[in-house]
Amino acid sequence: MMERTPVMEGTAAMQWSVGIEVTGDEIMTLDRIGDLADAVASTGGIASGIGQPCYGVKVLVEAEDRDQAVVKATEILRAAARAAALPEWPVSRVEAVSEAEAEEQEQ
C-alpha cells in the first residue's frame, strides 16, 4: 500500500518580480526587441536588450518560492523568444524579488 505524502501546509504562492536575461553573439535591434515585447505583453512583462548582445524580460509570476518563480519566468522568456524568432541563448542573469522582500526594502 502506498503512503501519501502530506502536502506542505502553510505554503502559499506569492507574487515575484523576476528579471531574466540571456546573452549571445548578436546585437539586438529595436525591431527584434519590439517583437519580444509584443510576445511577452500578454503576461504583463517588459522586454529589454536594444543595442546589446543580449535580451531579457521582467515579469510578475505567482510562485511558492524563488526557484519556482525563476522556472516560471524562464518558461515565459523562452516562449516569448520563440514567438519572436530570437535565438535560444544561455541565461546570463536572474533577479527575483518577492512581494514581501520588496516591501521590506521600501521600509
N, C-alpha and C. Protein backbone atom coordinates (compact mmCIF):
# COMPACT_ATOMS: atom_id res chain seq x y z
N MET A 1 0.84 -1.17 0.00
CA MET A 1 0.00 0.00 0.00
C MET A 1 0.89 1.24 0.00
N MET A 2 0.59 2.17 -0.90
CA MET A 2 1.39 3.39 -0.99
C MET A 2 0.90 4.41 0.03
N GLU A 3 1.85 5.02 0.71
CA GLU A 3 1.50 6.09 1.64
C GLU A 3 1.47 7.40 0.89
N ARG A 4 0.56 8.23 1.27
CA ARG A 4 0.50 9.56 0.67
C ARG A 4 1.44 10.48 1.41
N THR A 5 2.13 11.29 0.65
CA THR A 5 2.98 12.30 1.26
C THR A 5 2.10 13.51 1.55
N PRO A 6 2.10 13.96 2.79
CA PRO A 6 1.25 15.11 3.11
C PRO A 6 1.70 16.36 2.35
N VAL A 7 0.74 17.12 1.93
CA VAL A 7 1.04 18.38 1.27
C VAL A 7 1.55 19.34 2.33
N MET A 8 2.59 20.10 1.97
CA MET A 8 3.14 21.06 2.93
C MET A 8 2.08 22.09 3.26
N GLU A 9 1.80 22.20 4.53
CA GLU A 9 0.83 23.19 4.95
C GLU A 9 1.53 24.51 5.21
N GLY A 10 0.81 25.59 4.99
CA GLY A 10 1.36 26.89 5.28
C GLY A 10 2.14 27.50 4.12
N THR A 11 2.27 26.77 3.02
CA THR A 11 2.95 27.35 1.87
C THR A 11 1.90 27.99 0.96
N ALA A 12 2.13 29.20 0.64
CA ALA A 12 1.19 29.92 -0.22
C ALA A 12 1.98 30.63 -1.31
N ALA A 13 1.38 30.65 -2.45
CA ALA A 13 2.03 31.35 -3.56
C ALA A 13 2.04 32.84 -3.27
N MET A 14 3.10 33.48 -3.65
CA MET A 14 3.20 34.93 -3.53
C MET A 14 3.67 35.47 -4.87
N GLN A 15 3.55 36.76 -5.02
CA GLN A 15 3.96 37.37 -6.28
C GLN A 15 5.46 37.67 -6.25
N TRP A 16 6.10 37.38 -7.37
CA TRP A 16 7.52 37.61 -7.54
C TRP A 16 7.76 38.46 -8.78
N SER A 17 8.67 39.40 -8.68
CA SER A 17 9.14 40.15 -9.84
C SER A 17 10.45 39.50 -10.26
N VAL A 18 10.46 38.97 -11.48
CA VAL A 18 11.64 38.24 -11.94
C VAL A 18 12.17 38.88 -13.23
N GLY A 19 13.44 39.24 -13.19
CA GLY A 19 14.15 39.70 -14.37
C GLY A 19 15.07 38.60 -14.81
N ILE A 20 15.01 38.24 -16.08
CA ILE A 20 15.87 37.18 -16.59
C ILE A 20 16.43 37.61 -17.94
N GLU A 21 17.72 37.36 -18.12
CA GLU A 21 18.41 37.83 -19.33
C GLU A 21 19.26 36.70 -19.90
N VAL A 22 19.34 36.67 -21.22
CA VAL A 22 20.20 35.71 -21.91
C VAL A 22 21.19 36.50 -22.76
N THR A 23 22.39 35.95 -22.94
CA THR A 23 23.43 36.65 -23.68
C THR A 23 23.96 35.76 -24.79
N GLY A 24 24.24 36.41 -25.93
CA GLY A 24 24.76 35.68 -27.08
C GLY A 24 25.74 36.51 -27.87
N ASP A 25 25.73 36.30 -29.19
CA ASP A 25 26.75 36.92 -30.03
C ASP A 25 26.17 37.80 -31.13
N GLU A 26 24.98 38.29 -30.92
CA GLU A 26 24.32 39.12 -31.93
C GLU A 26 23.73 40.35 -31.24
N ILE A 27 23.93 41.52 -31.83
CA ILE A 27 23.37 42.75 -31.27
C ILE A 27 21.86 42.78 -31.58
N MET A 28 21.06 43.00 -30.57
CA MET A 28 19.60 43.03 -30.72
C MET A 28 19.14 44.39 -31.24
N THR A 29 18.30 44.37 -32.24
CA THR A 29 17.78 45.60 -32.84
C THR A 29 16.46 46.00 -32.19
N LEU A 30 16.04 47.22 -32.46
CA LEU A 30 14.75 47.71 -31.97
C LEU A 30 13.62 46.80 -32.43
N ASP A 31 13.65 46.39 -33.69
CA ASP A 31 12.59 45.53 -34.22
C ASP A 31 12.53 44.19 -33.50
N ARG A 32 13.68 43.59 -33.24
CA ARG A 32 13.71 42.26 -32.59
C ARG A 32 13.23 42.34 -31.15
N ILE A 33 13.66 43.37 -30.43
CA ILE A 33 13.21 43.53 -29.05
C ILE A 33 11.74 43.94 -29.03
N GLY A 34 11.31 44.70 -30.05
CA GLY A 34 9.89 45.03 -30.18
C GLY A 34 9.04 43.78 -30.34
N ASP A 35 9.53 42.83 -31.12
CA ASP A 35 8.82 41.55 -31.29
C ASP A 35 8.77 40.78 -29.97
N LEU A 36 9.87 40.83 -29.22
CA LEU A 36 9.89 40.17 -27.91
C LEU A 36 8.91 40.85 -26.96
N ALA A 37 8.87 42.18 -26.98
CA ALA A 37 7.94 42.93 -26.13
C ALA A 37 6.50 42.57 -26.48
N ASP A 38 6.19 42.47 -27.77
CA ASP A 38 4.84 42.06 -28.18
C ASP A 38 4.51 40.67 -27.66
N ALA A 39 5.48 39.76 -27.73
CA ALA A 39 5.25 38.38 -27.32
C ALA A 39 5.08 38.23 -25.81
N VAL A 40 5.69 39.10 -25.03
CA VAL A 40 5.62 39.00 -23.57
C VAL A 40 4.54 39.91 -22.99
N ALA A 41 3.94 40.76 -23.81
CA ALA A 41 2.94 41.72 -23.33
C ALA A 41 1.73 41.04 -22.71
N SER A 42 1.33 39.89 -23.24
CA SER A 42 0.15 39.21 -22.71
C SER A 42 0.34 38.75 -21.26
N THR A 43 1.59 38.62 -20.82
CA THR A 43 1.86 38.23 -19.44
C THR A 43 2.09 39.45 -18.55
N GLY A 44 2.00 40.65 -19.16
CA GLY A 44 2.25 41.88 -18.40
C GLY A 44 3.73 42.18 -18.24
N GLY A 45 4.57 41.51 -19.01
CA GLY A 45 6.01 41.69 -18.89
C GLY A 45 6.54 42.79 -19.78
N ILE A 46 7.79 43.12 -19.55
CA ILE A 46 8.50 44.10 -20.38
C ILE A 46 9.77 43.44 -20.92
N ALA A 47 10.24 43.95 -22.05
CA ALA A 47 11.43 43.38 -22.70
C ALA A 47 12.56 44.40 -22.71
N SER A 48 13.79 43.90 -22.78
CA SER A 48 14.96 44.78 -22.83
C SER A 48 16.02 44.16 -23.73
N GLY A 49 17.00 45.00 -24.12
CA GLY A 49 18.15 44.50 -24.86
C GLY A 49 18.49 45.23 -26.13
N ILE A 50 17.80 46.33 -26.45
CA ILE A 50 18.07 47.05 -27.69
C ILE A 50 19.53 47.51 -27.71
N GLY A 51 20.24 47.18 -28.80
CA GLY A 51 21.63 47.59 -28.97
C GLY A 51 22.62 46.79 -28.16
N GLN A 52 22.18 45.69 -27.55
CA GLN A 52 23.05 44.86 -26.71
C GLN A 52 23.14 43.45 -27.28
N PRO A 53 24.19 42.70 -26.90
CA PRO A 53 24.28 41.30 -27.33
C PRO A 53 23.53 40.39 -26.36
N CYS A 54 22.34 40.84 -25.96
CA CYS A 54 21.53 40.10 -25.00
C CYS A 54 20.08 40.56 -25.15
N TYR A 55 19.17 39.80 -24.54
CA TYR A 55 17.80 40.24 -24.42
C TYR A 55 17.24 39.65 -23.14
N GLY A 56 16.17 40.25 -22.65
CA GLY A 56 15.60 39.75 -21.41
C GLY A 56 14.19 40.25 -21.21
N VAL A 57 13.58 39.73 -20.16
CA VAL A 57 12.24 40.16 -19.79
C VAL A 57 12.17 40.36 -18.28
N LYS A 58 11.22 41.16 -17.88
CA LYS A 58 10.89 41.31 -16.47
C LYS A 58 9.40 41.03 -16.37
N VAL A 59 9.04 40.04 -15.54
CA VAL A 59 7.65 39.61 -15.43
C VAL A 59 7.27 39.42 -13.97
N LEU A 60 5.98 39.47 -13.71
CA LEU A 60 5.44 39.12 -12.40
C LEU A 60 4.85 37.73 -12.49
N VAL A 61 5.23 36.86 -11.56
CA VAL A 61 4.71 35.50 -11.53
C VAL A 61 4.27 35.16 -10.11
N GLU A 62 3.34 34.23 -10.01
CA GLU A 62 2.92 33.69 -8.71
C GLU A 62 3.68 32.40 -8.50
N ALA A 63 4.34 32.29 -7.35
CA ALA A 63 5.12 31.09 -7.05
C ALA A 63 5.26 30.94 -5.55
N GLU A 64 5.55 29.72 -5.12
CA GLU A 64 5.72 29.44 -3.70
C GLU A 64 7.12 29.81 -3.20
N ASP A 65 8.11 29.79 -4.11
CA ASP A 65 9.47 30.14 -3.70
C ASP A 65 10.25 30.70 -4.89
N ARG A 66 11.46 31.15 -4.61
CA ARG A 66 12.30 31.78 -5.62
C ARG A 66 12.58 30.84 -6.79
N ASP A 67 12.90 29.58 -6.50
CA ASP A 67 13.22 28.64 -7.58
C ASP A 67 12.05 28.46 -8.53
N GLN A 68 10.85 28.30 -7.98
CA GLN A 68 9.66 28.14 -8.81
C GLN A 68 9.40 29.42 -9.62
N ALA A 69 9.63 30.58 -9.02
CA ALA A 69 9.44 31.85 -9.72
C ALA A 69 10.40 31.95 -10.92
N VAL A 70 11.64 31.55 -10.72
CA VAL A 70 12.63 31.61 -11.79
C VAL A 70 12.28 30.63 -12.91
N VAL A 71 11.81 29.44 -12.55
CA VAL A 71 11.40 28.46 -13.56
C VAL A 71 10.25 29.02 -14.40
N LYS A 72 9.25 29.60 -13.74
CA LYS A 72 8.12 30.17 -14.48
C LYS A 72 8.55 31.31 -15.39
N ALA A 73 9.40 32.19 -14.89
CA ALA A 73 9.88 33.32 -15.70
C ALA A 73 10.71 32.83 -16.88
N THR A 74 11.51 31.80 -16.67
CA THR A 74 12.31 31.23 -17.76
C THR A 74 11.40 30.67 -18.85
N GLU A 75 10.33 29.98 -18.44
CA GLU A 75 9.37 29.45 -19.41
C GLU A 75 8.73 30.58 -20.22
N ILE A 76 8.38 31.67 -19.54
CA ILE A 76 7.78 32.83 -20.23
C ILE A 76 8.78 33.42 -21.22
N LEU A 77 10.04 33.60 -20.78
CA LEU A 77 11.07 34.14 -21.67
C LEU A 77 11.27 33.25 -22.88
N ARG A 78 11.41 31.95 -22.66
CA ARG A 78 11.67 31.03 -23.78
C ARG A 78 10.50 31.03 -24.77
N ALA A 79 9.26 31.02 -24.28
CA ALA A 79 8.09 31.02 -25.16
C ALA A 79 8.03 32.33 -25.96
N ALA A 80 8.29 33.45 -25.29
CA ALA A 80 8.25 34.75 -25.97
C ALA A 80 9.38 34.84 -27.00
N ALA A 81 10.56 34.32 -26.67
CA ALA A 81 11.70 34.35 -27.60
C ALA A 81 11.40 33.51 -28.84
N ARG A 82 10.76 32.33 -28.64
CA ARG A 82 10.38 31.51 -29.79
C ARG A 82 9.38 32.26 -30.67
N ALA A 83 8.39 32.89 -30.04
CA ALA A 83 7.37 33.64 -30.79
C ALA A 83 8.01 34.80 -31.56
N ALA A 84 9.07 35.37 -31.02
CA ALA A 84 9.76 36.50 -31.66
C ALA A 84 10.90 36.04 -32.57
N ALA A 85 11.06 34.73 -32.72
CA ALA A 85 12.12 34.14 -33.55
C ALA A 85 13.52 34.59 -33.13
N LEU A 86 13.73 34.67 -31.80
CA LEU A 86 15.05 35.04 -31.27
C LEU A 86 15.84 33.77 -30.96
N PRO A 87 17.17 33.85 -30.98
CA PRO A 87 17.99 32.68 -30.66
C PRO A 87 17.83 32.27 -29.20
N GLU A 88 17.95 30.98 -28.93
CA GLU A 88 17.84 30.47 -27.55
C GLU A 88 19.23 30.45 -26.91
N TRP A 89 19.61 31.59 -26.37
CA TRP A 89 20.91 31.74 -25.74
C TRP A 89 20.86 31.31 -24.28
N PRO A 90 22.03 31.07 -23.67
CA PRO A 90 22.05 30.68 -22.25
C PRO A 90 21.71 31.86 -21.33
N VAL A 91 21.09 31.52 -20.22
CA VAL A 91 20.73 32.53 -19.22
C VAL A 91 22.01 33.10 -18.63
N SER A 92 22.08 34.42 -18.56
CA SER A 92 23.28 35.08 -18.03
C SER A 92 23.01 35.87 -16.76
N ARG A 93 21.73 36.19 -16.50
CA ARG A 93 21.41 36.97 -15.30
C ARG A 93 19.98 36.68 -14.88
N VAL A 94 19.81 36.51 -13.57
CA VAL A 94 18.48 36.31 -13.00
C VAL A 94 18.38 37.14 -11.73
N GLU A 95 17.28 37.82 -11.60
CA GLU A 95 17.00 38.59 -10.38
C GLU A 95 15.54 38.33 -10.01
N ALA A 96 15.31 37.83 -8.80
CA ALA A 96 13.95 37.54 -8.36
C ALA A 96 13.72 38.16 -6.99
N VAL A 97 12.68 38.97 -6.88
CA VAL A 97 12.34 39.64 -5.63
C VAL A 97 10.87 39.35 -5.32
N SER A 98 10.62 38.83 -4.12
CA SER A 98 9.24 38.55 -3.73
C SER A 98 8.55 39.83 -3.29
N GLU A 99 7.25 39.77 -3.28
CA GLU A 99 6.45 40.90 -2.82
C GLU A 99 6.86 41.30 -1.40
N ALA A 100 7.09 40.30 -0.55
CA ALA A 100 7.48 40.57 0.84
C ALA A 100 8.85 41.23 0.91
N GLU A 101 9.80 40.77 0.10
CA GLU A 101 11.14 41.36 0.08
C GLU A 101 11.09 42.80 -0.41
N ALA A 102 10.28 43.06 -1.40
CA ALA A 102 10.14 44.42 -1.94
C ALA A 102 9.59 45.35 -0.88
N GLU A 103 8.63 44.88 -0.11
CA GLU A 103 8.06 45.70 0.96
C GLU A 103 9.10 46.00 2.03
N GLU A 104 9.92 45.00 2.37
CA GLU A 104 10.97 45.19 3.37
C GLU A 104 12.00 46.23 2.92
N GLN A 105 12.34 46.19 1.62
CA GLN A 105 13.33 47.14 1.08
C GLN A 105 12.81 48.57 1.09
N GLU A 106 11.48 48.72 0.97
CA GLU A 106 10.90 50.05 0.95
C GLU A 106 10.88 50.71 2.34
N GLN A 107 10.96 49.89 3.37
CA GLN A 107 10.89 50.44 4.74
C GLN A 107 12.19 50.99 5.20
